[in-house]
C-alpha atoms as a PDB file:
ATOM      1  CA  MET A   1      90.594  91.525 106.400  1.00  0.00           C
ATOM      2  CA  SER A   2      93.003  94.314 105.433  1.00  0.00           C
ATOM      3  CA  VAL A   3      96.181  94.120 104.009  1.00  0.00           C
ATOM      4  CA  LYS A   4      99.007  95.103 105.763  1.00  0.00           C
ATOM      5  CA  THR A   5     101.765  97.348 104.322  1.00  0.00           C
ATOM      6  CA  PRO A   6     105.643  96.991 104.782  1.00  0.00           C
ATOM      7  CA  LEU A   7     105.616 100.097 107.153  1.00  0.00           C
ATOM      8  CA  LYS A   8     104.647 100.590 110.334  1.00  0.00           C
ATOM      9  CA  TRP A   9     103.619 104.010 110.326  1.00  0.00           C
ATOM     10  CA  VAL A  10     101.431 106.324 113.237  1.00  0.00           C
ATOM     11  CA  GLY A  11      97.859 107.129 112.179  1.00  0.00           C
ATOM     12  CA  SER A  12      98.073 103.957 109.469  1.00  0.00           C
ATOM     13  CA  LYS A  13      94.845 103.109 107.950  1.00  0.00           C
ATOM     14  CA  VAL A  14      94.836  99.423 107.494  1.00  0.00           C
ATOM     15  CA  ARG A  15      92.261  98.449 111.043  1.00  0.00           C
ATOM     16  CA  LEU A  16      90.519 101.270 109.458  1.00  0.00           C
ATOM     17  CA  MET A  17      90.237  99.857 106.134  1.00  0.00           C
ATOM     18  CA  PRO A  18      86.910  97.710 107.065  1.00  0.00           C
ATOM     19  CA  GLN A  19      84.911 101.092 107.874  1.00  0.00           C
ATOM     20  CA  LEU A  20      86.991 103.529 105.550  1.00  0.00           C
ATOM     21  CA  ARG A  21      86.266 101.290 101.988  1.00  0.00           C
ATOM     22  CA  HIS A  22      82.510 101.886 102.025  1.00  0.00           C
ATOM     23  CA  HIS A  23      83.279 105.682 102.479  1.00  0.00           C
ATOM     24  CA  LEU A  24      85.303 105.814  99.219  1.00  0.00           C
ATOM     25  CA  PRO A  25      82.904 106.159  96.083  1.00  0.00           C
ATOM     26  CA  GLU A  26      84.052 104.757  92.786  1.00  0.00           C
ATOM     27  CA  GLY A  27      86.294 106.346  90.192  1.00  0.00           C
ATOM     28  CA  LYS A  28      88.920 105.239  87.771  1.00  0.00           C
ATOM     29  CA  ARG A  29      91.910 107.159  89.969  1.00  0.00           C
ATOM     30  CA  LEU A  30      92.544 107.650  93.153  1.00  0.00           C
ATOM     31  CA  VAL A  31      94.541 110.515  94.284  1.00  0.00           C
ATOM     32  CA  GLU A  32      96.413 110.398  98.073  1.00  0.00           C
ATOM     33  CA  PRO A  33      97.993 113.487  98.564  1.00  0.00           C
ATOM     34  CA  PHE A  34      99.057 112.057 101.705  1.00  0.00           C
ATOM     35  CA  ALA A  35      99.696 108.211 101.082  1.00  0.00           C
ATOM     36  CA  GLY A  36     101.715 107.422 104.388  1.00  0.00           C
ATOM     37  CA  SER A  37     101.764 103.727 104.601  1.00  0.00           C
ATOM     38  CA  CYS A  38      99.818 103.486 101.233  1.00  0.00           C
ATOM     39  CA  ALA A  39      97.351 101.109 103.391  1.00  0.00           C
ATOM     40  CA  VAL A  40      94.315 103.115 101.186  1.00  0.00           C
ATOM     41  CA  MET A  41      96.244 101.925  97.793  1.00  0.00           C
ATOM     42  CA  MET A  42      96.724  98.208  99.529  1.00  0.00           C
ATOM     43  CA  ASN A  43      93.308  97.746 100.359  1.00  0.00           C
ATOM     44  CA  THR A  44      91.118  99.649  97.080  1.00  0.00           C
ATOM     45  CA  ASP A  45      90.750  98.505  93.991  1.00  0.00           C
ATOM     46  CA  TYR A  46      90.913 101.411  91.593  1.00  0.00           C
ATOM     47  CA  ASP A  47      92.179 101.213  87.701  1.00  0.00           C
ATOM     48  CA  GLU A  48      95.051 104.033  88.329  1.00  0.00           C
ATOM     49  CA  TYR A  49      96.676 105.912  91.627  1.00  0.00           C
ATOM     50  CA  LEU A  50      97.995 108.964  92.107  1.00  0.00           C
ATOM     51  CA  ILE A  51      99.950 108.263  95.465  1.00  0.00           C
ATOM     52  CA  ALA A  52     101.808 111.614  96.708  1.00  0.00           C
ATOM     53  CA  ASP A  53     103.743 112.839 100.094  1.00  0.00           C
ATOM     54  CA  VAL A  54     105.949 115.830 100.522  1.00  0.00           C
ATOM     55  CA  ASN A  55     108.262 113.425 101.949  1.00  0.00           C
ATOM     56  CA  PRO A  56     111.191 112.610  99.325  1.00  0.00           C
ATOM     57  CA  ASP A  57     112.555 109.872 101.752  1.00  0.00           C
ATOM     58  CA  LEU A  58     109.058 107.555 101.446  1.00  0.00           C
ATOM     59  CA  VAL A  59     108.463 108.736  98.225  1.00  0.00           C
ATOM     60  CA  ASN A  60     112.051 107.338  97.513  1.00  0.00           C
ATOM     61  CA  LEU A  61     110.957 104.173  98.996  1.00  0.00           C
ATOM     62  CA  TYR A  62     107.971 103.630  97.479  1.00  0.00           C
ATOM     63  CA  LYS A  63     109.860 103.660  94.442  1.00  0.00           C
ATOM     64  CA  VAL A  64     112.753 101.308  95.126  1.00  0.00           C
ATOM     65  CA  MET A  65     110.178  98.724  96.030  1.00  0.00           C
ATOM     66  CA  ALA A  66     107.842  99.054  92.928  1.00  0.00           C
ATOM     67  CA  PHE A  67     110.878  98.676  90.482  1.00  0.00           C
ATOM     68  CA  ASP A  68     114.096  97.442  92.361  1.00  0.00           C
ATOM     69  CA  THR A  69     112.073  95.384  94.487  1.00  0.00           C
ATOM     70  CA  ASP A  70     114.652  92.321  94.569  1.00  0.00           C
ATOM     71  CA  ALA A  71     117.984  94.945  95.118  1.00  0.00           C
ATOM     72  CA  PHE A  72     116.109  95.958  97.830  1.00  0.00           C
ATOM     73  CA  LEU A  73     115.038  92.829  99.914  1.00  0.00           C
ATOM     74  CA  SER A  74     118.643  91.931  99.382  1.00  0.00           C
ATOM     75  CA  GLU A  75     119.717  95.368 100.757  1.00  0.00           C
ATOM     76  CA  LEU A  76     117.391  95.100 103.707  1.00  0.00           C
ATOM     77  CA  GLU A  77     118.185  91.695 104.219  1.00  0.00           C
ATOM     78  CA  ILE A  78     121.724  92.956 105.067  1.00  0.00           C
ATOM     79  CA  LEU A  79     120.750  95.460 107.017  1.00  0.00           C
ATOM     80  CA  PHE A  80     118.513  93.053 109.425  1.00  0.00           C
ATOM     81  CA  SER A  81     121.026  90.779 109.811  1.00  0.00           C
ATOM     82  CA  ALA A  82     123.372  92.783 111.045  1.00  0.00           C
ATOM     83  CA  GLY A  83     121.290  95.094 113.433  1.00  0.00           C
ATOM     84  CA  ALA A  84     120.029  91.467 114.587  1.00  0.00           C
ATOM     85  CA  LEU A  85     123.934  91.132 116.065  1.00  0.00           C
ATOM     86  CA  GLY A  86     124.624  90.750 119.793  1.00  0.00           C
ATOM     87  CA  ASP A  87     122.655  91.969 122.614  1.00  0.00           C
ATOM     88  CA  THR A  88     120.331  95.385 123.242  1.00  0.00           C
ATOM     89  CA  GLU A  89     123.529  97.438 123.552  1.00  0.00           C
ATOM     90  CA  ASN A  90     124.900  96.333 120.365  1.00  0.00           C
ATOM     91  CA  ARG A  91     121.698  96.704 118.350  1.00  0.00           C
ATOM     92  CA  ALA A  92     121.650  99.917 119.482  1.00  0.00           C
ATOM     93  CA  VAL A  93     124.721 101.013 118.398  1.00  0.00           C
ATOM     94  CA  TYR A  94     124.166  99.866 114.906  1.00  0.00           C
ATOM     95  CA  TYR A  95     121.059 101.099 114.773  1.00  0.00           C
ATOM     96  CA  TYR A  96     122.431 104.553 115.351  1.00  0.00           C
ATOM     97  CA  ALA A  97     125.493 104.185 113.184  1.00  0.00           C
ATOM     98  CA  VAL A  98     122.628 103.155 110.426  1.00  0.00           C
ATOM     99  CA  ARG A  99     120.915 106.254 111.264  1.00  0.00           C
ATOM    100  CA  ASP A 100     123.917 108.557 111.153  1.00  0.00           C
ATOM    101  CA  ALA A 101     124.725 106.824 107.421  1.00  0.00           C
ATOM    102  CA  PHE A 102     120.812 107.684 106.119  1.00  0.00           C
ATOM    103  CA  ASN A 103     121.703 111.455 107.276  1.00  0.00           C
ATOM    104  CA  MET A 104     124.869 112.099 106.380  1.00  0.00           C
ATOM    105  CA  SER A 105     124.149 110.519 102.619  1.00  0.00           C
ATOM    106  CA  GLY A 106     122.298 111.864  99.661  1.00  0.00           C
ATOM    107  CA  ARG A 107     119.550 109.538 100.985  1.00  0.00           C
ATOM    108  CA  ALA A 108     117.454 109.396  97.598  1.00  0.00           C
ATOM    109  CA  PHE A 109     119.979 110.280  95.206  1.00  0.00           C
ATOM    110  CA  GLY A 110     121.910 108.705  92.109  1.00  0.00           C
ATOM    111  CA  ASP A 111     122.961 105.112  92.486  1.00  0.00           C
ATOM    112  CA  GLU A 112     122.276 105.299  96.412  1.00  0.00           C
ATOM    113  CA  ARG A 113     118.716 105.071  96.635  1.00  0.00           C
ATOM    114  CA  VAL A 114     117.979 101.388  96.960  1.00  0.00           C
ATOM    115  CA  GLU A 115     120.645 102.039  99.844  1.00  0.00           C
ATOM    116  CA  ALA A 116     118.473 105.089 101.212  1.00  0.00           C
ATOM    117  CA  ALA A 117     115.305 103.615 100.561  1.00  0.00           C
ATOM    118  CA  ALA A 118     117.174 100.254 102.940  1.00  0.00           C
ATOM    119  CA  ARG A 119     118.288 102.475 105.687  1.00  0.00           C
ATOM    120  CA  PHE A 120     114.602 104.373 105.643  1.00  0.00           C
ATOM    121  CA  MET A 121     112.618 100.925 105.862  1.00  0.00           C
ATOM    122  CA  PHE A 122     115.082  99.477 108.378  1.00  0.00           C
ATOM    123  CA  LEU A 123     114.844 102.473 110.524  1.00  0.00           C
ATOM    124  CA  ASN A 124     111.122 102.331 110.753  1.00  0.00           C
ATOM    125  CA  ARG A 125     111.402  98.907 111.872  1.00  0.00           C
ATOM    126  CA  HIS A 126     113.581  98.940 114.514  1.00  0.00           C
ATOM    127  CA  CYS A 127     113.006 103.023 115.332  1.00  0.00           C
ATOM    128  CA  PHE A 128     110.820 103.995 118.643  1.00  0.00           C
ATOM    129  CA  ASN A 129     106.801 103.022 117.805  1.00  0.00           C
ATOM    130  CA  GLY A 130     107.828 102.882 113.915  1.00  0.00           C
ATOM    131  CA  LEU A 131     107.512 106.901 114.293  1.00  0.00           C
ATOM    132  CA  CYS A 132     108.706 109.262 111.184  1.00  0.00           C
ATOM    133  CA  ARG A 133     110.416 112.556 112.917  1.00  0.00           C
ATOM    134  CA  TYR A 134     113.131 115.008 111.512  1.00  0.00           C
ATOM    135  CA  ASN A 135     114.900 117.550 113.298  1.00  0.00           C
ATOM    136  CA  ARG A 136     114.992 121.298 111.829  1.00  0.00           C
ATOM    137  CA  ARG A 137     118.229 120.277 109.842  1.00  0.00           C
ATOM    138  CA  GLY A 138     115.901 117.640 108.057  1.00  0.00           C
ATOM    139  CA  GLN A 139     117.724 114.992 109.935  1.00  0.00           C
ATOM    140  CA  PHE A 140     115.844 111.474 111.032  1.00  0.00           C
ATOM    141  CA  ASN A 141     115.989 111.461 114.781  1.00  0.00           C
ATOM    142  CA  VAL A 142     113.685 108.588 116.087  1.00  0.00           C
ATOM    143  CA  PRO A 143     115.698 106.713 118.658  1.00  0.00           C
ATOM    144  CA  PHE A 144     116.130 103.239 118.960  1.00  0.00           C
ATOM    145  CA  GLY A 145     113.113 100.997 119.760  1.00  0.00           C
ATOM    146  CA  LYS A 146     114.530  98.376 121.537  1.00  0.00           C
ATOM    147  CA  TYR A 147     112.399  95.425 119.852  1.00  0.00           C
ATOM    148  CA  LYS A 148     113.763  91.484 120.065  1.00  0.00           C
ATOM    149  CA  LYS A 149     112.875  90.538 117.032  1.00  0.00           C
ATOM    150  CA  PRO A 150     111.903  93.384 114.407  1.00  0.00           C
ATOM    151  CA  TYR A 151     109.476  92.047 111.335  1.00  0.00           C
ATOM    152  CA  PHE A 152     111.087  92.007 108.043  1.00  0.00           C
ATOM    153  CA  PRO A 153     108.080  92.796 105.173  1.00  0.00           C
ATOM    154  CA  ALA A 154     109.148  90.361 102.748  1.00  0.00           C
ATOM    155  CA  ASP A 155     105.730  89.303 101.345  1.00  0.00           C
ATOM    156  CA  GLU A 156     104.282  93.191 102.126  1.00  0.00           C
ATOM    157  CA  VAL A 157     107.096  94.356 100.128  1.00  0.00           C
ATOM    158  CA  ARG A 158     106.478  91.882  97.010  1.00  0.00           C
ATOM    159  CA  ALA A 159     102.424  92.640  97.348  1.00  0.00           C
ATOM    160  CA  PHE A 160     103.139  96.782  97.574  1.00  0.00           C
ATOM    161  CA  ALA A 161     105.124  96.088  94.224  1.00  0.00           C
ATOM    162  CA  GLU A 162     102.282  94.273  92.701  1.00  0.00           C
ATOM    163  CA  LYS A 163      99.700  97.264  93.219  1.00  0.00           C
ATOM    164  CA  ALA A 164     102.500  99.388  92.294  1.00  0.00           C
ATOM    165  CA  LYS A 165     102.056  98.450  88.973  1.00  0.00           C
ATOM    166  CA  ARG A 166      98.673 100.614  88.729  1.00  0.00           C
ATOM    167  CA  ALA A 167     100.499 103.454  90.667  1.00  0.00           C
ATOM    168  CA  THR A 168     102.415 107.314  89.788  1.00  0.00           C
ATOM    169  CA  PHE A 169     104.444 107.967  92.566  1.00  0.00           C
ATOM    170  CA  VAL A 170     105.889 111.657  93.205  1.00  0.00           C
ATOM    171  CA  ALA A 171     106.772 113.615  95.873  1.00  0.00           C
ATOM    172  CA  ALA A 172     105.253 116.384  96.130  1.00  0.00           C
ATOM    173  CA  HIS A 173     103.485 119.379  98.909  1.00  0.00           C
ATOM    174  CA  TYR A 174      99.557 118.455  98.469  1.00  0.00           C
ATOM    175  CA  ALA A 175      98.468 121.838  96.809  1.00  0.00           C
ATOM    176  CA  GLU A 176     100.827 120.494  94.086  1.00  0.00           C
ATOM    177  CA  THR A 177      99.125 117.395  93.987  1.00  0.00           C
ATOM    178  CA  LEU A 178      95.806 118.301  94.346  1.00  0.00           C
ATOM    179  CA  ASP A 179      96.251 120.570  91.010  1.00  0.00           C
ATOM    180  CA  MET A 180      97.012 117.029  89.344  1.00  0.00           C
ATOM    181  CA  VAL A 181      93.239 115.969  89.904  1.00  0.00           C
ATOM    182  CA  ARG A 182      91.253 115.110  86.811  1.00  0.00           C
ATOM    183  CA  ASP A 183      87.452 114.741  86.112  1.00  0.00           C
ATOM    184  CA  GLY A 184      86.273 111.424  87.546  1.00  0.00           C
ATOM    185  CA  ASP A 185      89.469 110.782  90.026  1.00  0.00           C
ATOM    186  CA  VAL A 186      88.230 110.113  93.675  1.00  0.00           C
ATOM    187  CA  VAL A 187      90.799 112.363  96.371  1.00  0.00           C
ATOM    188  CA  TYR A 188      91.100 111.112  99.702  1.00  0.00           C
ATOM    189  CA  CYS A 189      93.119 112.982 102.589  1.00  0.00           C
ATOM    190  CA  ASP A 190      94.266 111.839 105.354  1.00  0.00           C
ATOM    191  CA  PRO A 191      96.775 114.625 106.674  1.00  0.00           C
ATOM    192  CA  PRO A 192      97.910 115.048 109.990  1.00  0.00           C
ATOM    193  CA  TYR A 193      95.648 115.580 112.104  1.00  0.00           C
ATOM    194  CA  LEU A 194      94.747 118.344 113.650  1.00  0.00           C
ATOM    195  CA  THR A 195      95.204 118.681 117.705  1.00  0.00           C
ATOM    196  CA  GLU A 196      93.816 121.179 120.175  1.00  0.00           C
ATOM    197  CA  ALA A 197      96.248 120.373 122.377  1.00  0.00           C
ATOM    198  CA  GLY A 198      99.268 120.944 120.411  1.00  0.00           C
ATOM    199  CA  ASN A 199     100.210 116.538 120.171  1.00  0.00           C
ATOM    200  CA  PHE A 200     102.291 114.930 117.856  1.00  0.00           C
ATOM    201  CA  THR A 201     100.804 115.388 114.382  1.00  0.00           C
ATOM    202  CA  ALA A 202     104.006 116.346 111.909  1.00  0.00           C
ATOM    203  CA  TYR A 203     105.886 113.518 109.973  1.00  0.00           C
ATOM    204  CA  THR A 204     108.331 116.142 108.150  1.00  0.00           C
ATOM    205  CA  GLU A 205     110.692 118.709 109.638  1.00  0.00           C
ATOM    206  CA  GLY A 206     108.166 121.337 108.157  1.00  0.00           C
ATOM    207  CA  GLY A 207     105.268 120.262 110.220  1.00  0.00           C
ATOM    208  CA  PHE A 208     101.376 120.687 109.516  1.00  0.00           C
ATOM    209  CA  SER A 209      99.879 123.765 110.923  1.00  0.00           C
ATOM    210  CA  HIS A 210      96.693 125.119 111.578  1.00  0.00           C
ATOM    211  CA  MET A 211      96.856 127.360 109.237  1.00  0.00           C
ATOM    212  CA  ASP A 212      97.868 124.376 106.619  1.00  0.00           C
ATOM    213  CA  GLN A 213      94.297 122.650 108.014  1.00  0.00           C
ATOM    214  CA  GLY A 214      92.518 125.576 106.541  1.00  0.00           C
ATOM    215  CA  ARG A 215      94.185 125.898 103.503  1.00  0.00           C
ATOM    216  CA  LEU A 216      94.058 122.295 102.908  1.00  0.00           C
ATOM    217  CA  ALA A 217      89.555 122.148 103.688  1.00  0.00           C
ATOM    218  CA  ARG A 218      89.220 125.304 101.354  1.00  0.00           C
ATOM    219  CA  LYS A 219      91.224 123.518  98.761  1.00  0.00           C
ATOM    220  CA  LEU A 220      88.759 120.310  99.047  1.00  0.00           C
ATOM    221  CA  ARG A 221      85.992 122.227  98.996  1.00  0.00           C
ATOM    222  CA  ARG A 222      86.691 124.201  95.471  1.00  0.00           C
ATOM    223  CA  LEU A 223      87.771 121.110  94.216  1.00  0.00           C
ATOM    224  CA  ALA A 224      84.070 119.588  95.348  1.00  0.00           C
ATOM    225  CA  ARG A 225      82.798 122.136  93.509  1.00  0.00           C
ATOM    226  CA  LYS A 226      84.105 121.242  90.560  1.00  0.00           C
ATOM    227  CA  GLY A 227      81.998 117.794  91.115  1.00  0.00           C
ATOM    228  CA  ILE A 228      85.243 115.985  92.116  1.00  0.00           C
ATOM    229  CA  SER A 229      84.784 113.173  94.571  1.00  0.00           C
ATOM    230  CA  VAL A 230      86.522 114.204  98.107  1.00  0.00           C
ATOM    231  CA  VAL A 231      86.865 112.249 101.262  1.00  0.00           C
ATOM    232  CA  ALA A 232      89.020 113.107 104.113  1.00  0.00           C
ATOM    233  CA  SER A 233      89.932 111.691 107.778  1.00  0.00           C
ATOM    234  CA  ASN A 234      90.796 114.138 110.485  1.00  0.00           C
ATOM    235  CA  SER A 235      90.371 114.096 114.389  1.00  0.00           C
ATOM    236  CA  ASP A 236      86.845 114.853 115.748  1.00  0.00           C
ATOM    237  CA  VAL A 237      87.407 118.232 117.275  1.00  0.00           C
ATOM    238  CA  GLU A 238      85.471 121.664 116.717  1.00  0.00           C
ATOM    239  CA  THR A 239      87.472 123.145 114.394  1.00  0.00           C
ATOM    240  CA  VAL A 240      87.876 120.258 112.165  1.00  0.00           C
ATOM    241  CA  HIS A 241      83.892 120.690 112.069  1.00  0.00           C
ATOM    242  CA  TYR A 242      83.764 124.486 111.355  1.00  0.00           C
ATOM    243  CA  LEU A 243      86.658 123.971 108.726  1.00  0.00           C
ATOM    244  CA  TYR A 244      84.555 121.321 106.950  1.00  0.00           C
ATOM    245  CA  ALA A 245      81.476 123.281 107.617  1.00  0.00           C
ATOM    246  CA  GLY A 246      78.900 120.900 104.621  1.00  0.00           C
ATOM    247  CA  PHE A 247      80.879 117.893 104.191  1.00  0.00           C
ATOM    248  CA  GLU A 248      79.184 115.016 105.029  1.00  0.00           C
ATOM    249  CA  VAL A 249      80.113 113.766 108.872  1.00  0.00           C
ATOM    250  CA  VAL A 250      81.019 110.138 109.600  1.00  0.00           C
ATOM    251  CA  ARG A 251      81.756 109.782 113.279  1.00  0.00           C
ATOM    252  CA  VAL A 252      84.106 105.985 113.708  1.00  0.00           C
ATOM    253  CA  ASN A 253      86.290 104.748 116.327  1.00  0.00           C
ATOM    254  CA  ALA A 254      89.826 104.476 115.361  1.00  0.00           C
ATOM    255  CA  PRO A 255      92.277 101.623 116.978  1.00  0.00           C
ATOM    256  CA  ARG A 256      95.222 103.604 118.284  1.00  0.00           C
ATOM    257  CA  SER A 257      98.233 102.414 119.654  1.00  0.00           C
ATOM    258  CA  VAL A 258     100.772 104.892 120.021  1.00  0.00           C
ATOM    259  CA  GLY A 259     102.365 104.572 123.243  1.00  0.00           C
ATOM    260  CA  ALA A 260     105.626 102.168 124.317  1.00  0.00           C
ATOM    261  CA  ALA A 261     103.158  99.677 126.053  1.00  0.00           C
ATOM    262  CA  ALA A 262     100.176  97.366 124.744  1.00  0.00           C
ATOM    263  CA  ALA A 263      98.099  98.649 127.869  1.00  0.00           C
ATOM    264  CA  SER A 264      98.199 102.149 125.751  1.00  0.00           C
ATOM    265  CA  GLN A 265      96.570 100.883 122.759  1.00  0.00           C
ATOM    266  CA  LYS A 266      93.351 102.188 122.783  1.00  0.00           C
ATOM    267  CA  VAL A 267      90.401 103.653 120.191  1.00  0.00           C
ATOM    268  CA  ALA A 268      90.229 106.903 119.513  1.00  0.00           C
ATOM    269  CA  PRO A 269      86.826 108.742 117.859  1.00  0.00           C
ATOM    270  CA  GLU A 270      87.736 110.257 114.106  1.00  0.00           C
ATOM    271  CA  LEU A 271      85.603 111.893 111.298  1.00  0.00           C
ATOM    272  CA  ILE A 272      85.530 110.591 107.802  1.00  0.00           C
ATOM    273  CA  LEU A 273      84.344 113.816 105.708  1.00  0.00           C
ATOM    274  CA  LYS A 274      82.667 113.498 102.713  1.00  0.00           C
ATOM    275  CA  SER A 275      81.262 116.172 100.320  1.00  0.00           C
ATOM    276  CA  PRO A 276      78.115 115.837  98.577  1.00  0.00           C
ATOM    277  CA  LEU A 277      77.671 118.647  96.467  1.00  0.00           C
ATOM    278  CA  ASP A 278      74.253 119.634  97.444  1.00  0.00           C
ATOM    279  CA  SER A 279      75.211 119.903 101.173  1.00  0.00           C
ATOM    280  CA  ILE A 280      78.295 122.466  99.981  1.00  0.00           C
ATOM    281  CA  ALA A 281      76.331 124.507  98.010  1.00  0.00           C
ATOM    282  CA  LYS A 282      73.657 124.942 100.833  1.00  0.00           C
ATOM    283  CA  ALA A 283      76.462 125.911 103.218  1.00  0.00           C
ATOM    284  CA  CYS A 284      78.032 128.271 100.936  1.00  0.00           C
ATOM    285  CA  ALA A 285      74.879 130.152  99.487  1.00  0.00           C
END
């Protein structure tokens, strides 16, 4: 049984963990440059974790849940209680007020870091489909989700705080995070997926382009040549097969529930890409 995470997250690996876990090799420390909801951290048992994401709002939330747990839950309960009052229209008005406050504040700086983290979690649990999306000005812009009773993740937050005792959290570009890899680490990369149709794959205002996909694949290939265990996930499209030529490819069917209606839930094929050194050496010879 998989452990749920405090965050709702598009592309979360919670439901895929029974399959993915078998492909993550043993090691002392797991390094995740695209941590997202931290589903992999919550569902594995490494001695240490280096948990990173380029989104500073997300990393601030990790740190606050880990180190200011009680204050965070108190602040979050205030937001949830106020956000549940009135009819749908009133709840929508409150949601947009919280969103405006989140976008106008200093967000993850100074004394406001707990408040910023609680607002971010409130938005995540009340916005449309739990999306995390920003406009070009760096403002969170996902609309209200119209849920009757959003789930308050107190148990999940406390479980996260307990697991976080093994973790170091950093706000960093994936290239910076991968430069921190040391001998004996296991690297797992779950970037925004490459799509041929240009569907939604971006979780920050900068996006994640085809060029980024190529740079990431080359960086992972170099780490594999150094003897680092590398595992990545991505979509089952021709370009991904090309970028990871020489990696061991495992096809899996991943649950998806991105649409607004339950009927839109489906299974989508994706790839787990693993880096046996002999295969890479032959591919690059």
